[in-house]
């Protein structure tokens, strides 16, 4: 059945037949990942400021290293960002728009937190495989990275889903 002139090429039609909108979904995924990384930066700086102020007030400790350490964590996280992008973008493009737009918010939150954990495990597996140390694979001493992974993936996926829902 031919489409009417006013509906031909609309975003909803392209999303339903799967032939268009891939670049736009890629842009939405990149926007979501950038929002997740920005949220991590804000969280780390916000966490470092009170402890720095407390150390300055008590005249003890090394208050001058709190902010640089928070920024170091962001730099370390940016190393893992390439892995997150290589896992997050294909997953974002694999889910049909219709499924994401109809999912309830609590389901999106649970799904995004789980995808963050999956991305982090895949990043570690690839890093150990690149170093040819597959037999020495261990997740020991990675406990501080898991909450960051949950934060970034949840914010990223929710921004992506909101952009999709608004557009389609």
N, C-alpha and C. Protein backbone atom coordinates (compact mmCIF):
# COMPACT_ATOMS: atom_id res chain seq x y z
N UNK A 1 0.85 -1.17 0.00
CA UNK A 1 0.00 0.00 0.00
C UNK A 1 0.90 1.24 0.00
N UNK A 2 0.76 2.11 -0.98
CA UNK A 2 1.61 3.30 -1.03
C UNK A 2 1.27 4.26 0.09
N UNK A 3 2.31 4.96 0.53
CA UNK A 3 2.14 5.94 1.60
C UNK A 3 1.61 7.24 1.02
N UNK A 4 0.83 7.95 1.81
CA UNK A 4 0.34 9.25 1.37
C UNK A 4 1.51 10.23 1.34
N UNK A 5 1.31 11.32 0.64
CA UNK A 5 2.39 12.29 0.47
C UNK A 5 2.82 12.91 1.79
N UNK A 6 1.88 13.07 2.74
CA UNK A 6 2.25 13.68 4.01
C UNK A 6 2.91 12.71 4.97
N UNK A 7 2.83 11.40 4.71
CA UNK A 7 3.45 10.42 5.60
C UNK A 7 4.71 9.81 4.99
N UNK A 8 4.96 10.04 3.72
CA UNK A 8 6.09 9.44 3.05
C UNK A 8 7.40 9.93 3.67
N UNK A 9 8.23 9.01 4.14
CA UNK A 9 9.53 9.36 4.68
C UNK A 9 9.51 9.90 6.09
N UNK A 10 8.42 9.74 6.80
CA UNK A 10 8.38 10.23 8.18
C UNK A 10 9.26 9.35 9.05
N UNK A 11 9.75 9.87 10.17
CA UNK A 11 10.63 9.09 11.05
C UNK A 11 9.97 7.80 11.53
N UNK A 12 8.66 7.82 11.77
CA UNK A 12 7.99 6.61 12.24
C UNK A 12 8.02 5.53 11.17
N UNK A 13 7.84 5.90 9.92
CA UNK A 13 7.87 4.91 8.85
C UNK A 13 9.27 4.32 8.68
N UNK A 14 10.28 5.17 8.75
CA UNK A 14 11.65 4.67 8.63
C UNK A 14 11.99 3.74 9.78
N UNK A 15 11.50 4.03 10.98
CA UNK A 15 11.78 3.17 12.13
C UNK A 15 11.06 1.85 12.00
N UNK A 16 9.87 1.86 11.44
CA UNK A 16 9.09 0.63 11.34
C UNK A 16 9.61 -0.29 10.25
N UNK A 17 10.08 0.25 9.13
CA UNK A 17 10.57 -0.64 8.09
C UNK A 17 12.07 -0.90 8.19
N UNK A 18 12.77 -0.25 9.11
CA UNK A 18 14.16 -0.56 9.41
C UNK A 18 15.16 -0.04 8.41
N UNK A 19 14.73 0.72 7.40
CA UNK A 19 15.68 1.14 6.37
C UNK A 19 16.30 2.50 6.65
N UNK A 20 15.84 3.21 7.63
CA UNK A 20 16.39 4.54 7.87
C UNK A 20 16.57 4.80 9.35
N UNK A 21 17.13 5.92 9.64
CA UNK A 21 17.26 6.32 11.03
C UNK A 21 18.46 5.74 11.75
N UNK A 22 19.30 4.97 11.06
CA UNK A 22 20.45 4.36 11.74
C UNK A 22 21.45 5.43 12.16
N UNK A 23 21.69 6.40 11.29
CA UNK A 23 22.61 7.47 11.66
C UNK A 23 22.06 8.30 12.81
N UNK A 24 20.76 8.51 12.80
CA UNK A 24 20.16 9.27 13.89
C UNK A 24 20.23 8.49 15.20
N UNK A 25 20.01 7.19 15.16
CA UNK A 25 20.13 6.36 16.35
C UNK A 25 21.57 6.32 16.83
N UNK A 26 22.52 6.32 15.90
CA UNK A 26 23.94 6.38 16.26
C UNK A 26 24.26 7.70 16.96
N UNK A 27 23.70 8.78 16.48
CA UNK A 27 23.88 10.08 17.11
C UNK A 27 23.25 10.09 18.50
N UNK A 28 22.08 9.50 18.63
CA UNK A 28 21.42 9.41 19.94
C UNK A 28 22.26 8.58 20.91
N UNK A 29 22.84 7.48 20.43
CA UNK A 29 23.69 6.64 21.29
C UNK A 29 24.93 7.40 21.73
N UNK A 30 25.54 8.15 20.81
CA UNK A 30 26.72 8.95 21.17
C UNK A 30 26.35 10.04 22.16
N UNK A 31 25.18 10.64 22.00
CA UNK A 31 24.71 11.66 22.94
C UNK A 31 24.49 11.05 24.32
N UNK A 32 23.90 9.87 24.35
CA UNK A 32 23.68 9.18 25.62
C UNK A 32 24.99 8.83 26.31
N UNK A 33 25.97 8.33 25.55
CA UNK A 33 27.26 7.99 26.14
C UNK A 33 27.98 9.24 26.65
N UNK A 34 27.87 10.34 25.92
CA UNK A 34 28.48 11.59 26.39
C UNK A 34 27.80 12.06 27.68
N UNK A 35 26.48 11.91 27.75
CA UNK A 35 25.75 12.30 28.97
C UNK A 35 26.17 11.43 30.15
N UNK A 36 26.37 10.14 29.92
CA UNK A 36 26.83 9.25 30.99
C UNK A 36 28.20 9.62 31.49
N UNK A 37 29.10 9.94 30.59
CA UNK A 37 30.45 10.34 31.00
C UNK A 37 30.45 11.70 31.70
N UNK A 38 29.59 12.60 31.26
CA UNK A 38 29.47 13.90 31.94
C UNK A 38 28.91 13.71 33.35
N UNK A 39 27.96 12.80 33.51
CA UNK A 39 27.40 12.52 34.84
C UNK A 39 28.47 11.96 35.76
N UNK A 40 29.35 11.11 35.22
CA UNK A 40 30.44 10.57 36.03
C UNK A 40 31.39 11.68 36.47
N UNK A 41 31.72 12.59 35.58
CA UNK A 41 32.60 13.71 35.92
C UNK A 41 31.97 14.57 37.02
N UNK A 42 30.70 14.89 36.88
CA UNK A 42 30.02 15.71 37.89
C UNK A 42 29.98 14.97 39.23
N UNK A 43 29.69 13.68 39.21
CA UNK A 43 29.63 12.89 40.44
C UNK A 43 30.99 12.87 41.14
N UNK A 44 32.05 12.65 40.40
CA UNK A 44 33.38 12.57 41.02
C UNK A 44 33.83 13.90 41.58
N UNK A 45 33.58 14.97 40.86
CA UNK A 45 33.96 16.29 41.39
C UNK A 45 33.11 16.64 42.60
N UNK A 46 31.82 16.35 42.53
CA UNK A 46 30.91 16.62 43.64
C UNK A 46 31.31 15.82 44.88
N UNK A 47 31.82 14.61 44.68
CA UNK A 47 32.26 13.79 45.81
C UNK A 47 33.59 14.27 46.39
N UNK A 48 34.45 14.82 45.55
CA UNK A 48 35.77 15.25 46.02
C UNK A 48 35.73 16.57 46.76
N UNK A 49 34.80 17.43 46.44
CA UNK A 49 34.77 18.76 47.06
C UNK A 49 34.51 18.73 48.57
N UNK A 50 33.53 17.99 49.09
CA UNK A 50 33.32 17.99 50.55
C UNK A 50 34.50 17.41 51.33
N UNK A 51 35.11 16.35 50.82
CA UNK A 51 36.24 15.77 51.54
C UNK A 51 37.45 16.72 51.50
N UNK A 52 37.61 17.45 50.40
CA UNK A 52 38.68 18.43 50.32
C UNK A 52 38.43 19.55 51.33
N UNK A 53 37.19 20.02 51.42
CA UNK A 53 36.86 21.09 52.37
C UNK A 53 37.06 20.63 53.81
N UNK A 54 36.71 19.37 54.09
CA UNK A 54 36.89 18.86 55.46
C UNK A 54 38.37 18.77 55.81
N UNK A 55 39.20 18.35 54.87
CA UNK A 55 40.63 18.27 55.12
C UNK A 55 41.24 19.66 55.32
N UNK A 56 40.79 20.62 54.54
CA UNK A 56 41.29 21.99 54.72
C UNK A 56 40.87 22.56 56.07
N UNK A 57 39.64 22.30 56.46
CA UNK A 57 39.14 22.83 57.73
C UNK A 57 39.87 22.21 58.92
N UNK A 58 40.21 20.93 58.81
CA UNK A 58 40.89 20.25 59.91
C UNK A 58 42.41 20.45 59.86
N UNK A 59 42.91 21.09 58.81
CA UNK A 59 44.35 21.31 58.64
C UNK A 59 45.13 19.99 58.70
N UNK A 60 44.62 18.99 58.01
CA UNK A 60 45.32 17.70 57.98
C UNK A 60 45.11 17.04 56.63
N UNK A 61 45.91 16.07 56.36
CA UNK A 61 45.81 15.34 55.10
C UNK A 61 46.31 16.14 53.92
N UNK A 62 46.08 15.59 52.76
CA UNK A 62 46.51 16.24 51.52
C UNK A 62 45.28 16.71 50.75
N UNK A 63 44.77 17.85 51.13
CA UNK A 63 43.57 18.38 50.51
C UNK A 63 43.79 18.77 49.06
N UNK A 64 45.02 19.13 48.72
CA UNK A 64 45.29 19.60 47.37
C UNK A 64 45.29 18.49 46.32
N UNK A 65 45.24 17.22 46.71
CA UNK A 65 45.24 16.13 45.74
C UNK A 65 43.86 15.53 45.51
N UNK A 66 42.84 15.99 46.20
CA UNK A 66 41.50 15.41 46.06
C UNK A 66 40.93 15.61 44.66
N UNK A 67 40.93 16.83 44.16
CA UNK A 67 40.39 17.09 42.82
C UNK A 67 41.22 16.45 41.72
N UNK A 68 42.55 16.53 41.77
CA UNK A 68 43.32 15.83 40.74
C UNK A 68 43.08 14.33 40.73
N UNK A 69 42.89 13.72 41.90
CA UNK A 69 42.60 12.28 41.93
C UNK A 69 41.24 11.98 41.32
N UNK A 70 40.27 12.84 41.56
CA UNK A 70 38.95 12.64 40.94
C UNK A 70 39.06 12.74 39.42
N UNK A 71 39.86 13.68 38.95
CA UNK A 71 40.04 13.81 37.50
C UNK A 71 40.85 12.65 36.93
N UNK A 72 41.76 12.08 37.72
CA UNK A 72 42.50 10.89 37.27
C UNK A 72 41.55 9.72 37.05
N UNK A 73 40.56 9.59 37.90
CA UNK A 73 39.58 8.52 37.73
C UNK A 73 38.81 8.71 36.44
N UNK A 74 38.50 9.96 36.11
CA UNK A 74 37.81 10.23 34.86
C UNK A 74 38.70 9.86 33.68
N UNK A 75 39.99 10.14 33.77
CA UNK A 75 40.92 9.78 32.69
C UNK A 75 41.00 8.26 32.56
N UNK A 76 41.07 7.55 33.68
CA UNK A 76 41.09 6.08 33.63
C UNK A 76 39.79 5.58 33.02
N UNK A 77 38.69 6.20 33.38
CA UNK A 77 37.38 5.80 32.84
C UNK A 77 37.32 6.07 31.34
N UNK A 78 37.99 7.12 30.87
CA UNK A 78 37.99 7.40 29.43
C UNK A 78 38.74 6.33 28.65
N UNK A 79 39.70 5.68 29.29
CA UNK A 79 40.37 4.56 28.64
C UNK A 79 39.36 3.45 28.38
N UNK A 80 38.47 3.24 29.36
CA UNK A 80 37.45 2.20 29.20
C UNK A 80 36.29 2.67 28.33
N UNK A 81 36.25 3.95 28.03
CA UNK A 81 35.14 4.47 27.22
C UNK A 81 35.12 3.85 25.83
N UNK A 82 36.28 3.62 25.26
CA UNK A 82 36.32 2.98 23.95
C UNK A 82 35.66 1.61 24.00
N UNK A 83 35.91 0.89 25.07
CA UNK A 83 35.25 -0.41 25.24
C UNK A 83 33.76 -0.27 25.46
N UNK A 84 33.37 0.73 26.23
CA UNK A 84 31.95 0.97 26.47
C UNK A 84 31.25 1.35 25.17
N UNK A 85 31.91 2.17 24.38
CA UNK A 85 31.34 2.56 23.09
C UNK A 85 31.21 1.36 22.16
N UNK A 86 32.23 0.49 22.16
CA UNK A 86 32.19 -0.66 21.27
C UNK A 86 31.16 -1.70 21.70
N UNK A 87 30.76 -1.67 22.96
CA UNK A 87 29.70 -2.56 23.43
C UNK A 87 28.35 -1.85 23.39
N UNK A 88 28.31 -0.60 23.82
CA UNK A 88 27.05 0.12 23.96
C UNK A 88 26.38 0.48 22.64
N UNK A 89 27.15 0.91 21.66
CA UNK A 89 26.56 1.32 20.39
C UNK A 89 25.92 0.14 19.65
N UNK A 90 26.59 -1.01 19.51
CA UNK A 90 25.91 -2.14 18.86
C UNK A 90 24.66 -2.61 19.61
N UNK A 91 24.72 -2.58 20.93
CA UNK A 91 23.55 -2.99 21.71
C UNK A 91 22.42 -1.99 21.49
N UNK A 92 22.75 -0.71 21.47
CA UNK A 92 21.72 0.30 21.24
C UNK A 92 21.09 0.15 19.86
N UNK A 93 21.89 -0.16 18.86
CA UNK A 93 21.35 -0.32 17.52
C UNK A 93 20.63 -1.66 17.34
N UNK A 94 20.95 -2.64 18.16
CA UNK A 94 20.32 -3.96 18.03
C UNK A 94 18.89 -3.98 18.55
N UNK A 95 18.60 -3.16 19.56
CA UNK A 95 17.24 -3.14 20.11
C UNK A 95 16.31 -2.38 19.17
N UNK A 96 15.18 -2.98 18.84
CA UNK A 96 14.21 -2.27 17.99
C UNK A 96 13.66 -1.03 18.72
N UNK A 97 13.40 0.00 17.95
CA UNK A 97 12.88 1.25 18.51
C UNK A 97 11.55 1.00 19.21
N UNK A 98 10.72 0.19 18.61
CA UNK A 98 9.39 -0.09 19.17
C UNK A 98 9.51 -0.73 20.55
N UNK A 99 10.47 -1.63 20.74
CA UNK A 99 10.65 -2.28 22.04
C UNK A 99 11.08 -1.27 23.10
N UNK A 100 12.04 -0.44 22.75
CA UNK A 100 12.54 0.55 23.71
C UNK A 100 11.49 1.61 24.05
N UNK A 101 10.69 1.98 23.09
CA UNK A 101 9.71 3.03 23.37
C UNK A 101 8.55 2.51 24.21
N UNK A 102 8.32 1.21 24.22
CA UNK A 102 7.21 0.65 25.00
C UNK A 102 7.64 0.09 26.35
N UNK A 103 8.93 0.04 26.59
CA UNK A 103 9.41 -0.49 27.87
C UNK A 103 9.14 0.50 29.00
N UNK A 104 8.75 0.00 30.15
CA UNK A 104 8.51 0.86 31.31
C UNK A 104 9.85 1.36 31.86
N UNK A 105 9.84 2.50 32.55
CA UNK A 105 11.07 3.08 33.08
C UNK A 105 11.81 2.17 34.04
N UNK A 106 11.13 1.48 34.97
CA UNK A 106 11.89 0.57 35.85
C UNK A 106 12.61 -0.54 35.08
N UNK A 107 11.99 -1.02 34.03
CA UNK A 107 12.66 -2.05 33.21
C UNK A 107 13.87 -1.48 32.48
N UNK A 108 13.75 -0.25 32.04
CA UNK A 108 14.90 0.40 31.37
C UNK A 108 16.07 0.58 32.33
N UNK A 109 15.76 0.94 33.56
CA UNK A 109 16.82 1.15 34.55
C UNK A 109 17.54 -0.16 34.85
N UNK A 110 16.79 -1.23 35.06
CA UNK A 110 17.39 -2.53 35.35
C UNK A 110 18.19 -3.01 34.15
N UNK A 111 17.63 -2.85 32.96
CA UNK A 111 18.33 -3.29 31.75
C UNK A 111 19.62 -2.50 31.53
N UNK A 112 19.58 -1.19 31.78
CA UNK A 112 20.78 -0.38 31.56
C UNK A 112 21.87 -0.70 32.58
N UNK A 113 21.50 -0.96 33.82
CA UNK A 113 22.50 -1.33 34.82
C UNK A 113 23.14 -2.67 34.47
N UNK A 114 22.35 -3.60 33.98
CA UNK A 114 22.90 -4.90 33.58
C UNK A 114 23.81 -4.77 32.37
N UNK A 115 23.45 -3.91 31.42
CA UNK A 115 24.30 -3.72 30.24
C UNK A 115 25.64 -3.09 30.60
N UNK A 116 25.65 -2.24 31.61
CA UNK A 116 26.91 -1.65 32.07
C UNK A 116 27.85 -2.70 32.64
N UNK A 117 27.30 -3.63 33.39
CA UNK A 117 28.12 -4.71 33.94
C UNK A 117 28.66 -5.61 32.83
N UNK A 118 27.79 -5.91 31.86
CA UNK A 118 28.22 -6.72 30.72
C UNK A 118 29.34 -6.03 29.95
N UNK A 119 29.20 -4.72 29.75
CA UNK A 119 30.23 -3.97 29.03
C UNK A 119 31.56 -4.02 29.77
N UNK A 120 31.52 -3.86 31.09
CA UNK A 120 32.77 -3.88 31.86
C UNK A 120 33.43 -5.25 31.83
N UNK A 121 32.65 -6.30 31.93
CA UNK A 121 33.22 -7.66 31.85
C UNK A 121 33.84 -7.89 30.47
N UNK A 122 33.16 -7.47 29.42
CA UNK A 122 33.71 -7.64 28.07
C UNK A 122 34.99 -6.84 27.87
N UNK A 123 35.06 -5.66 28.46
CA UNK A 123 36.28 -4.85 28.38
C UNK A 123 37.44 -5.58 29.05
N UNK A 124 37.19 -6.14 30.23
CA UNK A 124 38.26 -6.88 30.93
C UNK A 124 38.68 -8.12 30.17
N UNK A 125 37.73 -8.83 29.58
CA UNK A 125 38.06 -10.03 28.81
C UNK A 125 38.94 -9.65 27.61
N UNK A 126 38.57 -8.59 26.91
CA UNK A 126 39.37 -8.16 25.76
C UNK A 126 40.76 -7.71 26.19
N UNK A 127 40.85 -6.95 27.30
CA UNK A 127 42.17 -6.52 27.78
C UNK A 127 43.07 -7.69 28.14
N UNK A 128 42.51 -8.69 28.81
CA UNK A 128 43.31 -9.86 29.15
C UNK A 128 43.67 -10.66 27.90
N UNK A 129 42.78 -10.72 26.92
CA UNK A 129 43.09 -11.45 25.69
C UNK A 129 44.18 -10.73 24.89
N UNK A 130 44.15 -9.41 24.87
CA UNK A 130 45.18 -8.65 24.16
C UNK A 130 46.54 -8.88 24.80
N UNK A 131 46.56 -9.00 26.12
CA UNK A 131 47.82 -9.22 26.82
C UNK A 131 48.22 -10.69 26.84
N UNK A 132 47.45 -11.54 26.19
CA UNK A 132 47.70 -13.00 26.14
C UNK A 132 47.80 -13.60 27.53
N UNK A 133 46.92 -13.15 28.42
CA UNK A 133 46.90 -13.66 29.78
C UNK A 133 45.51 -14.19 30.13
N UNK A 134 44.91 -14.92 29.20
CA UNK A 134 43.55 -15.42 29.43
C UNK A 134 43.46 -16.33 30.63
N UNK A 135 44.49 -17.08 30.90
CA UNK A 135 44.45 -18.00 32.04
C UNK A 135 44.55 -17.25 33.37
N UNK A 136 45.07 -16.02 33.34
CA UNK A 136 45.21 -15.24 34.57
C UNK A 136 44.04 -14.27 34.76
N UNK A 137 42.96 -14.47 34.02
CA UNK A 137 41.82 -13.56 34.09
C UNK A 137 41.24 -13.53 35.50
N UNK A 138 41.11 -12.34 36.03
CA UNK A 138 40.56 -12.15 37.37
C UNK A 138 39.92 -10.78 37.47
N UNK A 139 38.86 -10.71 38.24
CA UNK A 139 38.19 -9.43 38.47
C UNK A 139 38.57 -8.86 39.84
N UNK A 140 39.65 -9.35 40.40
CA UNK A 140 40.11 -8.87 41.71
C UNK A 140 40.50 -7.39 41.60
N UNK A 141 40.19 -6.65 42.63
CA UNK A 141 40.54 -5.23 42.76
C UNK A 141 39.84 -4.35 41.71
N UNK A 142 38.70 -4.77 41.23
CA UNK A 142 37.93 -3.96 40.30
C UNK A 142 36.64 -3.43 40.93
N UNK A 143 36.52 -3.61 42.24
CA UNK A 143 35.27 -3.27 42.90
C UNK A 143 34.89 -1.79 42.78
N UNK A 144 35.83 -0.91 42.63
CA UNK A 144 35.50 0.51 42.54
C UNK A 144 34.99 0.89 41.15
N UNK A 145 35.23 0.06 40.16
CA UNK A 145 34.80 0.38 38.79
C UNK A 145 33.34 0.02 38.53
N UNK A 146 32.79 -0.93 39.27
CA UNK A 146 31.43 -1.41 39.01
C UNK A 146 30.38 -0.34 39.25
N UNK A 147 30.42 0.41 40.35
CA UNK A 147 29.41 1.48 40.50
C UNK A 147 29.52 2.55 39.42
N UNK A 148 30.74 2.87 39.00
CA UNK A 148 30.91 3.85 37.93
C UNK A 148 30.30 3.33 36.63
N UNK A 149 30.50 2.03 36.39
CA UNK A 149 29.94 1.42 35.19
C UNK A 149 28.42 1.46 35.21
N UNK A 150 27.84 1.20 36.38
CA UNK A 150 26.38 1.26 36.51
C UNK A 150 25.88 2.68 36.27
N UNK A 151 26.56 3.67 36.85
CA UNK A 151 26.16 5.07 36.69
C UNK A 151 26.21 5.48 35.22
N UNK A 152 27.32 5.23 34.57
CA UNK A 152 27.49 5.66 33.18
C UNK A 152 26.50 4.95 32.27
N UNK A 153 26.35 3.64 32.43
CA UNK A 153 25.45 2.91 31.53
C UNK A 153 24.00 3.27 31.77
N UNK A 154 23.62 3.50 33.01
CA UNK A 154 22.23 3.85 33.29
C UNK A 154 21.89 5.21 32.70
N UNK A 155 22.73 6.20 32.95
CA UNK A 155 22.47 7.54 32.39
C UNK A 155 22.49 7.49 30.87
N UNK A 156 23.47 6.80 30.31
CA UNK A 156 23.59 6.73 28.86
C UNK A 156 22.37 6.08 28.22
N UNK A 157 21.95 4.96 28.77
CA UNK A 157 20.83 4.23 28.17
C UNK A 157 19.52 4.98 28.36
N UNK A 158 19.33 5.62 29.51
CA UNK A 158 18.09 6.36 29.73
C UNK A 158 18.01 7.60 28.83
N UNK A 159 19.13 8.28 28.61
CA UNK A 159 19.13 9.42 27.69
C UNK A 159 18.86 8.93 26.27
N UNK A 160 19.47 7.82 25.88
CA UNK A 160 19.25 7.26 24.55
C UNK A 160 17.78 6.87 24.36
N UNK A 161 17.21 6.19 25.36
CA UNK A 161 15.81 5.77 25.26
C UNK A 161 14.87 6.98 25.24
N UNK A 162 15.18 8.01 26.03
CA UNK A 162 14.34 9.21 26.03
C UNK A 162 14.40 9.92 24.68
N UNK A 163 15.59 10.01 24.10
CA UNK A 163 15.70 10.63 22.77
C UNK A 163 14.93 9.83 21.72
N UNK A 164 15.04 8.51 21.80
CA UNK A 164 14.29 7.67 20.86
C UNK A 164 12.80 7.84 21.03
N UNK A 165 12.36 7.83 22.26
CA UNK A 165 10.92 7.93 22.53
C UNK A 165 10.38 9.28 22.06
N UNK A 166 11.17 10.31 22.24
CA UNK A 166 10.72 11.64 21.82
C UNK A 166 10.68 11.75 20.30
N UNK A 167 11.64 11.15 19.65
CA UNK A 167 11.73 11.26 18.19
C UNK A 167 10.77 10.33 17.47
N UNK A 168 10.70 9.08 17.93
CA UNK A 168 9.88 8.08 17.24
C UNK A 168 8.60 7.91 17.98
